[in-house]
PDB file of N, CA and C in Angstrom:
ATOM      1  N   MET A   1      10.467  -0.878   6.432  1.00  0.00           N
ATOM      2  CA  MET A   1      10.759  -0.217   5.177  1.00  0.00           C
ATOM      3  C   MET A   1       9.605   0.721   4.835  1.00  0.00           C
ATOM      4  N   ARG A   2       9.929   1.910   4.415  1.00  0.00           N
ATOM      5  CA  ARG A   2       8.918   2.877   4.006  1.00  0.00           C
ATOM      6  C   ARG A   2       8.870   2.913   2.486  1.00  0.00           C
ATOM      7  N   LEU A   3       7.660   2.790   1.920  1.00  0.00           N
ATOM      8  CA  LEU A   3       7.484   2.808   0.471  1.00  0.00           C
ATOM      9  C   LEU A   3       6.831   4.111   0.044  1.00  0.00           C
ATOM     10  N   ALA A   4       7.275   4.655  -1.067  1.00  0.00           N
ATOM     11  CA  ALA A   4       6.614   5.826  -1.644  1.00  0.00           C
ATOM     12  C   ALA A   4       5.348   5.335  -2.333  1.00  0.00           C
ATOM     13  N   THR A   5       4.214   5.947  -2.026  1.00  0.00           N
ATOM     14  CA  THR A   5       2.942   5.447  -2.543  1.00  0.00           C
ATOM     15  C   THR A   5       2.189   6.480  -3.360  1.00  0.00           C
ATOM     16  N   GLY A   6       2.893   7.300  -4.106  1.00  0.00           N
ATOM     17  CA  GLY A   6       2.234   8.319  -4.910  1.00  0.00           C
ATOM     18  C   GLY A   6       1.866   7.847  -6.306  1.00  0.00           C
ATOM     19  N   GLY A   7       2.126   6.579  -6.627  1.00  0.00           N
ATOM     20  CA  GLY A   7       1.825   6.067  -7.946  1.00  0.00           C
ATOM     21  C   GLY A   7       2.897   6.390  -8.972  1.00  0.00           C
ATOM     22  N   VAL A   8       3.967   7.072  -8.555  1.00  0.00           N
ATOM     23  CA  VAL A   8       5.007   7.499  -9.497  1.00  0.00           C
ATOM     24  C   VAL A   8       6.318   6.756  -9.265  1.00  0.00           C
ATOM     25  N   THR A   9       6.744   6.643  -8.019  1.00  0.00           N
ATOM     26  CA  THR A   9       8.036   6.037  -7.685  1.00  0.00           C
ATOM     27  C   THR A   9       7.939   4.512  -7.737  1.00  0.00           C
ATOM     28  N   PRO A  10       8.745   3.856  -8.592  1.00  0.00           N
ATOM     29  CA  PRO A  10       8.699   2.395  -8.664  1.00  0.00           C
ATOM     30  C   PRO A  10       9.436   1.740  -7.495  1.00  0.00           C
ATOM     31  N   VAL A  11       8.991   0.536  -7.152  1.00  0.00           N
ATOM     32  CA  VAL A  11       9.658  -0.280  -6.137  1.00  0.00           C
ATOM     33  C   VAL A  11      10.983  -0.750  -6.740  1.00  0.00           C
ATOM     34  N   LEU A  12      12.044  -0.707  -5.951  1.00  0.00           N
ATOM     35  CA  LEU A  12      13.375  -1.040  -6.473  1.00  0.00           C
ATOM     36  C   LEU A  12      13.734  -2.514  -6.385  1.00  0.00           C
ATOM     37  N   ARG A  13      13.058  -3.249  -5.497  1.00  0.00           N
ATOM     38  CA  ARG A  13      13.371  -4.675  -5.343  1.00  0.00           C
ATOM     39  C   ARG A  13      12.107  -5.414  -4.921  1.00  0.00           C
ATOM     40  N   LEU A  14      12.148  -6.738  -4.927  1.00  0.00           N
ATOM     41  CA  LEU A  14      11.012  -7.550  -4.515  1.00  0.00           C
ATOM     42  C   LEU A  14      10.700  -7.270  -3.043  1.00  0.00           C
ATOM     43  N   VAL A  15       9.424  -6.981  -2.756  1.00  0.00           N
ATOM     44  CA  VAL A  15       9.006  -6.627  -1.402  1.00  0.00           C
ATOM     45  C   VAL A  15       7.723  -7.372  -1.065  1.00  0.00           C
ATOM     46  N   MET A  16       7.633  -7.916   0.155  1.00  0.00           N
ATOM     47  CA  MET A  16       6.389  -8.501   0.649  1.00  0.00           C
ATOM     48  C   MET A  16       5.768  -7.502   1.623  1.00  0.00           C
ATOM     49  N   VAL A  17       4.497  -7.165   1.400  1.00  0.00           N
ATOM     50  CA  VAL A  17       3.819  -6.154   2.203  1.00  0.00           C
ATOM     51  C   VAL A  17       2.689  -6.806   3.001  1.00  0.00           C
ATOM     52  N   ASN A  18       2.677  -6.579   4.316  1.00  0.00           N
ATOM     53  CA  ASN A  18       1.589  -7.057   5.175  1.00  0.00           C
ATOM     54  C   ASN A  18       0.579  -5.959   5.458  1.00  0.00           C
ATOM     55  N   ASP A  19       1.037  -4.714   5.498  1.00  0.00           N
ATOM     56  CA  ASP A  19       0.120  -3.586   5.624  1.00  0.00           C
ATOM     57  C   ASP A  19       0.777  -2.325   5.090  1.00  0.00           C
ATOM     58  N   LEU A  20      -0.067  -1.403   4.680  1.00  0.00           N
ATOM     59  CA  LEU A  20       0.392  -0.122   4.153  1.00  0.00           C
ATOM     60  C   LEU A  20      -0.290   0.980   4.942  1.00  0.00           C
ATOM     61  N   GLY A  21       0.463   1.994   5.303  1.00  0.00           N
ATOM     62  CA  GLY A  21      -0.115   3.107   6.042  1.00  0.00           C
ATOM     63  C   GLY A  21       0.364   4.436   5.507  1.00  0.00           C
ATOM     64  N   GLU A  22      -0.442   5.459   5.728  1.00  0.00           N
ATOM     65  CA  GLU A  22      -0.090   6.820   5.338  1.00  0.00           C
ATOM     66  C   GLU A  22       0.192   7.643   6.576  1.00  0.00           C
ATOM     67  N   HIS A  23       0.860   8.778   6.383  1.00  0.00           N
ATOM     68  CA  HIS A  23       1.188   9.659   7.495  1.00  0.00           C
ATOM     69  C   HIS A  23      -0.054  10.224   8.162  1.00  0.00           C
ATOM     70  N   ASP A  24      -1.213  10.237   7.453  1.00  0.00           N
ATOM     71  CA  ASP A  24      -2.439  10.770   8.040  1.00  0.00           C
ATOM     72  C   ASP A  24      -3.212   9.723   8.832  1.00  0.00           C
ATOM     73  N   GLY A  25      -2.655   8.511   8.962  1.00  0.00           N
ATOM     74  CA  GLY A  25      -3.244   7.506   9.834  1.00  0.00           C
ATOM     75  C   GLY A  25      -4.009   6.392   9.151  1.00  0.00           C
ATOM     76  N   TYR A  26      -4.323   6.516   7.864  1.00  0.00           N
ATOM     77  CA  TYR A  26      -5.056   5.463   7.178  1.00  0.00           C
ATOM     78  C   TYR A  26      -4.158   4.259   6.939  1.00  0.00           C
ATOM     79  N   VAL A  27      -4.728   3.063   7.136  1.00  0.00           N
ATOM     80  CA  VAL A  27      -3.980   1.813   7.004  1.00  0.00           C
ATOM     81  C   VAL A  27      -4.794   0.820   6.192  1.00  0.00           C
ATOM     82  N   CYS A  28      -4.119   0.090   5.298  1.00  0.00           N
ATOM     83  CA  CYS A  28      -4.742  -1.009   4.569  1.00  0.00           C
ATOM     84  C   CYS A  28      -3.954  -2.275   4.871  1.00  0.00           C
ATOM     85  N   GLU A  29      -4.668  -3.302   5.289  1.00  0.00           N
ATOM     86  CA  GLU A  29      -4.057  -4.607   5.538  1.00  0.00           C
ATOM     87  C   GLU A  29      -4.600  -5.560   4.481  1.00  0.00           C
ATOM     88  N   PRO A  30      -3.795  -5.894   3.445  1.00  0.00           N
ATOM     89  CA  PRO A  30      -4.272  -6.788   2.387  1.00  0.00           C
ATOM     90  C   PRO A  30      -4.745  -8.124   2.943  1.00  0.00           C
ATOM     91  N   THR A  31      -5.734  -8.727   2.274  1.00  0.00           N
ATOM     92  CA  THR A  31      -6.291 -10.012   2.681  1.00  0.00           C
ATOM     93  C   THR A  31      -5.207 -11.074   2.764  1.00  0.00           C
ATOM     94  N   SER A  32      -4.276 -11.046   1.823  1.00  0.00           N
ATOM     95  CA  SER A  32      -3.121 -11.940   1.851  1.00  0.00           C
ATOM     96  C   SER A  32      -1.889 -11.083   1.579  1.00  0.00           C
ATOM     97  N   PRO A  33      -0.702 -11.559   1.952  1.00  0.00           N
ATOM     98  CA  PRO A  33       0.495 -10.753   1.712  1.00  0.00           C
ATOM     99  C   PRO A  33       0.583 -10.329   0.246  1.00  0.00           C
ATOM    100  N   LEU A  34       1.006  -9.113   0.051  1.00  0.00           N
ATOM    101  CA  LEU A  34       1.116  -8.536  -1.280  1.00  0.00           C
ATOM    102  C   LEU A  34       2.586  -8.534  -1.688  1.00  0.00           C
ATOM    103  N   PHE A  35       2.888  -9.173  -2.813  1.00  0.00           N
ATOM    104  CA  PHE A  35       4.261  -9.199  -3.306  1.00  0.00           C
ATOM    105  C   PHE A  35       4.403  -8.157  -4.403  1.00  0.00           C
ATOM    106  N   LEU A  36       5.318  -7.224  -4.201  1.00  0.00           N
ATOM    107  CA  LEU A  36       5.590  -6.179  -5.180  1.00  0.00           C
ATOM    108  C   LEU A  36       6.916  -6.481  -5.861  1.00  0.00           C
ATOM    109  N   ALA A  37       6.902  -6.467  -7.181  1.00  0.00           N
ATOM    110  CA  ALA A  37       8.099  -6.750  -7.969  1.00  0.00           C
ATOM    111  C   ALA A  37       8.808  -5.449  -8.327  1.00  0.00           C
ATOM    112  N   PRO A  38      10.078  -5.529  -8.674  1.00  0.00           N
ATOM    113  CA  PRO A  38      10.785  -4.324  -9.112  1.00  0.00           C
ATOM    114  C   PRO A  38      10.039  -3.647 -10.270  1.00  0.00           C
ATOM    115  N   GLY A  39       9.854  -2.340 -10.161  1.00  0.00           N
ATOM    116  CA  GLY A  39       9.148  -1.585 -11.188  1.00  0.00           C
ATOM    117  C   GLY A  39       7.682  -1.346 -10.875  1.00  0.00           C
ATOM    118  N   ASP A  40       7.121  -2.085  -9.899  1.00  0.00           N
ATOM    119  CA  ASP A  40       5.728  -1.862  -9.510  1.00  0.00           C
ATOM    120  C   ASP A  40       5.578  -0.497  -8.850  1.00  0.00           C
ATOM    121  N   ARG A  41       4.420   0.128  -9.049  1.00  0.00           N
ATOM    122  CA  ARG A  41       4.121   1.412  -8.417  1.00  0.00           C
ATOM    123  C   ARG A  41       2.823   1.278  -7.633  1.00  0.00           C
ATOM    124  N   ILE A  42       2.745   1.967  -6.488  1.00  0.00           N
ATOM    125  CA  ILE A  42       1.591   1.889  -5.604  1.00  0.00           C
ATOM    126  C   ILE A  42       0.919   3.250  -5.521  1.00  0.00           C
ATOM    127  N   LEU A  43      -0.403   3.246  -5.651  1.00  0.00           N
ATOM    128  CA  LEU A  43      -1.178   4.449  -5.410  1.00  0.00           C
ATOM    129  C   LEU A  43      -2.103   4.136  -4.246  1.00  0.00           C
ATOM    130  N   PHE A  44      -1.908   4.812  -3.129  1.00  0.00           N
ATOM    131  CA  PHE A  44      -2.625   4.545  -1.880  1.00  0.00           C
ATOM    132  C   PHE A  44      -3.414   5.790  -1.526  1.00  0.00           C
ATOM    133  N   ASP A  45      -4.740   5.675  -1.508  1.00  0.00           N
ATOM    134  CA  ASP A  45      -5.596   6.803  -1.154  1.00  0.00           C
ATOM    135  C   ASP A  45      -6.478   6.382   0.014  1.00  0.00           C
ATOM    136  N   GLY A  46      -6.036   6.717   1.234  1.00  0.00           N
ATOM    137  CA  GLY A  46      -6.774   6.347   2.431  1.00  0.00           C
ATOM    138  C   GLY A  46      -8.131   7.020   2.527  1.00  0.00           C
ATOM    139  N   MET A  47      -8.225   8.270   2.057  1.00  0.00           N
ATOM    140  CA  MET A  47      -9.500   8.990   2.137  1.00  0.00           C
ATOM    141  C   MET A  47     -10.588   8.269   1.336  1.00  0.00           C
ATOM    142  N   LYS A  48     -10.227   7.710   0.190  1.00  0.00           N
ATOM    143  CA  LYS A  48     -11.196   6.993  -0.653  1.00  0.00           C
ATOM    144  C   LYS A  48     -11.146   5.493  -0.401  1.00  0.00           C
ATOM    145  N   MET A  49     -10.238   5.074   0.500  1.00  0.00           N
ATOM    146  CA  MET A  49     -10.018   3.663   0.806  1.00  0.00           C
ATOM    147  C   MET A  49      -9.792   2.873  -0.478  1.00  0.00           C
ATOM    148  N   ASN A  50      -8.759   3.297  -1.200  1.00  0.00           N
ATOM    149  CA  ASN A  50      -8.426   2.698  -2.479  1.00  0.00           C
ATOM    150  C   ASN A  50      -6.925   2.433  -2.551  1.00  0.00           C
ATOM    151  N   LEU A  51      -6.572   1.225  -2.924  1.00  0.00           N
ATOM    152  CA  LEU A  51      -5.182   0.828  -3.112  1.00  0.00           C
ATOM    153  C   LEU A  51      -5.056   0.260  -4.517  1.00  0.00           C
ATOM    154  N   THR A  52      -4.177   0.824  -5.332  1.00  0.00           N
ATOM    155  CA  THR A  52      -3.983   0.363  -6.701  1.00  0.00           C
ATOM    156  C   THR A  52      -2.501   0.088  -6.924  1.00  0.00           C
ATOM    157  N   VAL A  53      -2.221  -1.059  -7.527  1.00  0.00           N
ATOM    158  CA  VAL A  53      -0.849  -1.428  -7.884  1.00  0.00           C
ATOM    159  C   VAL A  53      -0.751  -1.439  -9.403  1.00  0.00           C
ATOM    160  N   THR A  54       0.258  -0.769  -9.935  1.00  0.00           N
ATOM    161  CA  THR A  54       0.525  -0.789 -11.377  1.00  0.00           C
ATOM    162  C   THR A  54       1.833  -1.541 -11.592  1.00  0.00           C
ATOM    163  N   ARG A  55       1.738  -2.657 -12.306  1.00  0.00           N
ATOM    164  CA  ARG A  55       2.924  -3.459 -12.607  1.00  0.00           C
ATOM    165  C   ARG A  55       3.787  -2.750 -13.644  1.00  0.00           C
ATOM    166  N   ALA A  56       5.031  -3.147 -13.755  1.00  0.00           N
ATOM    167  CA  ALA A  56       5.947  -2.567 -14.740  1.00  0.00           C
ATOM    168  C   ALA A  56       5.409  -2.759 -16.159  1.00  0.00           C
ATOM    169  N   SER A  57       4.610  -3.806 -16.369  1.00  0.00           N
ATOM    170  CA  SER A  57       4.034  -4.092 -17.681  1.00  0.00           C
ATOM    171  C   SER A  57       2.867  -3.167 -18.026  1.00  0.00           C
ATOM    172  N   GLY A  58       2.388  -2.399 -17.034  1.00  0.00           N
ATOM    173  CA  GLY A  58       1.248  -1.510 -17.244  1.00  0.00           C
ATOM    174  C   GLY A  58      -0.059  -2.062 -16.696  1.00  0.00           C
ATOM    175  N   GLU A  59      -0.084  -3.352 -16.343  1.00  0.00           N
ATOM    176  CA  GLU A  59      -1.272  -3.975 -15.759  1.00  0.00           C
ATOM    177  C   GLU A  59      -1.555  -3.340 -14.396  1.00  0.00           C
ATOM    178  N   THR A  60      -2.821  -3.079 -14.090  1.00  0.00           N
ATOM    179  CA  THR A  60      -3.183  -2.535 -12.778  1.00  0.00           C
ATOM    180  C   THR A  60      -4.172  -3.460 -12.084  1.00  0.00           C
ATOM    181  N   PHE A  61      -4.135  -3.466 -10.761  1.00  0.00           N
ATOM    182  CA  PHE A  61      -5.107  -4.209  -9.968  1.00  0.00           C
ATOM    183  C   PHE A  61      -5.237  -3.558  -8.596  1.00  0.00           C
ATOM    184  N   SER A  62      -6.343  -3.848  -7.945  1.00  0.00           N
ATOM    185  CA  SER A  62      -6.611  -3.321  -6.605  1.00  0.00           C
ATOM    186  C   SER A  62      -6.776  -4.486  -5.642  1.00  0.00           C
ATOM    187  N   PRO A  63      -5.784  -4.732  -4.791  1.00  0.00           N
ATOM    188  CA  PRO A  63      -5.878  -5.821  -3.819  1.00  0.00           C
ATOM    189  C   PRO A  63      -7.000  -5.560  -2.813  1.00  0.00           C
ATOM    190  N   THR A  64      -7.643  -6.622  -2.361  1.00  0.00           N
ATOM    191  CA  THR A  64      -8.671  -6.486  -1.330  1.00  0.00           C
ATOM    192  C   THR A  64      -8.003  -6.498   0.039  1.00  0.00           C
ATOM    193  N   GLY A  65      -8.671  -5.922   1.010  1.00  0.00           N
ATOM    194  CA  GLY A  65      -8.115  -5.887   2.353  1.00  0.00           C
ATOM    195  C   GLY A  65      -8.990  -5.112   3.313  1.00  0.00           C
ATOM    196  N   ARG A  66      -8.529  -5.026   4.559  1.00  0.00           N
ATOM    197  CA  ARG A  66      -9.234  -4.276   5.595  1.00  0.00           C
ATOM    198  C   ARG A  66      -8.622  -2.896   5.717  1.00  0.00           C
ATOM    199  N   TRP A  67      -9.479  -1.908   5.965  1.00  0.00           N
ATOM    200  CA  TRP A  67      -9.039  -0.525   6.135  1.00  0.00           C
ATOM    201  C   TRP A  67      -9.284  -0.082   7.559  1.00  0.00           C
ATOM    202  N   GLY A  68      -8.441   0.785   8.048  1.00  0.00           N
ATOM    203  CA  GLY A  68      -8.601   1.325   9.391  1.00  0.00           C
ATOM    204  C   GLY A  68      -7.823   2.618   9.543  1.00  0.00           C
ATOM    205  N   VAL A  69      -7.838   3.124  10.775  1.00  0.00           N
ATOM    206  CA  VAL A  69      -7.137   4.363  11.092  1.00  0.00           C
ATOM    207  C   VAL A  69      -6.295   4.115  12.336  1.00  0.00           C
ATOM    208  N   ARG A  70      -5.050   4.621  12.317  1.00  0.00           N
ATOM    209  CA  ARG A  70      -4.175   4.546  13.492  1.00  0.00           C
ATOM    210  C   ARG A  70      -4.066   5.930  14.097  1.00  0.00           C
ATOM    211  N   CYS A  71      -4.036   5.988  15.414  1.00  0.00           N
ATOM    212  CA  CYS A  71      -3.890   7.276  16.097  1.00  0.00           C
ATOM    213  C   CYS A  71      -2.503   7.850  15.869  1.00  0.00           C
ATOM    214  N   SER A  72      -1.505   7.015  15.951  1.00  0.00           N
ATOM    215  CA  SER A  72      -0.133   7.432  15.681  1.00  0.00           C
ATOM    216  C   SER A  72       0.571   6.252  15.033  1.00  0.00           C
ATOM    217  N   TYR A  73       1.674   6.511  14.368  1.00  0.00           N
ATOM    218  CA  TYR A  73       2.359   5.471  13.614  1.00  0.00           C
ATOM    219  C   TYR A  73       2.683   4.271  14.491  1.00  0.00           C
ATOM    220  N   GLY A  74       2.251   3.092  14.016  1.00  0.00           N
ATOM    221  CA  GLY A  74       2.580   1.842  14.688  1.00  0.00           C
ATOM    222  C   GLY A  74       1.672   1.456  15.835  1.00  0.00           C
ATOM    223  N   ARG A  75       0.682   2.300  16.161  1.00  0.00           N
ATOM    224  CA  ARG A  75      -0.205   1.965  17.270  1.00  0.00           C
ATOM    225  C   ARG A  75      -1.658   2.001  16.784  1.00  0.00           C
ATOM    226  N   PRO A  76      -2.303   0.832  16.645  1.00  0.00           N
ATOM    227  CA  PRO A  76      -3.679   0.788  16.196  1.00  0.00           C
ATOM    228  C   PRO A  76      -4.609   1.536  17.147  1.00  0.00           C
ATOM    229  N   ARG A  77      -5.622   2.117  16.590  1.00  0.00           N
ATOM    230  CA  ARG A  77      -6.623   2.831  17.379  1.00  0.00           C
ATOM    231  C   ARG A  77      -7.557   1.836  18.029  1.00  0.00           C
ATOM    232  N   PRO A  78      -7.830   1.970  19.332  1.00  0.00           N
ATOM    233  CA  PRO A  78      -8.705   1.001  20.017  1.00  0.00           C
ATOM    234  C   PRO A  78     -10.139   1.108  19.567  1.00  0.00           C
TER     235      PRO A  78
END
């Protein structure tokens, strides 16, 4: 499943996330699975290595995790 991560588009249903990646190759793997509820919005900035989740209630938090770069989609860089 591909999620919009511009901080504007809300998640439409409950989603469990193991990793998030951008088209430019940046990847964040949360320390533990991240559960996103309907209405949650994600702001993913690989350049600054920052991941922010805004709940439908307006609460925001930044999950901890590992950051990396992939050479191409789905293939980790050695």
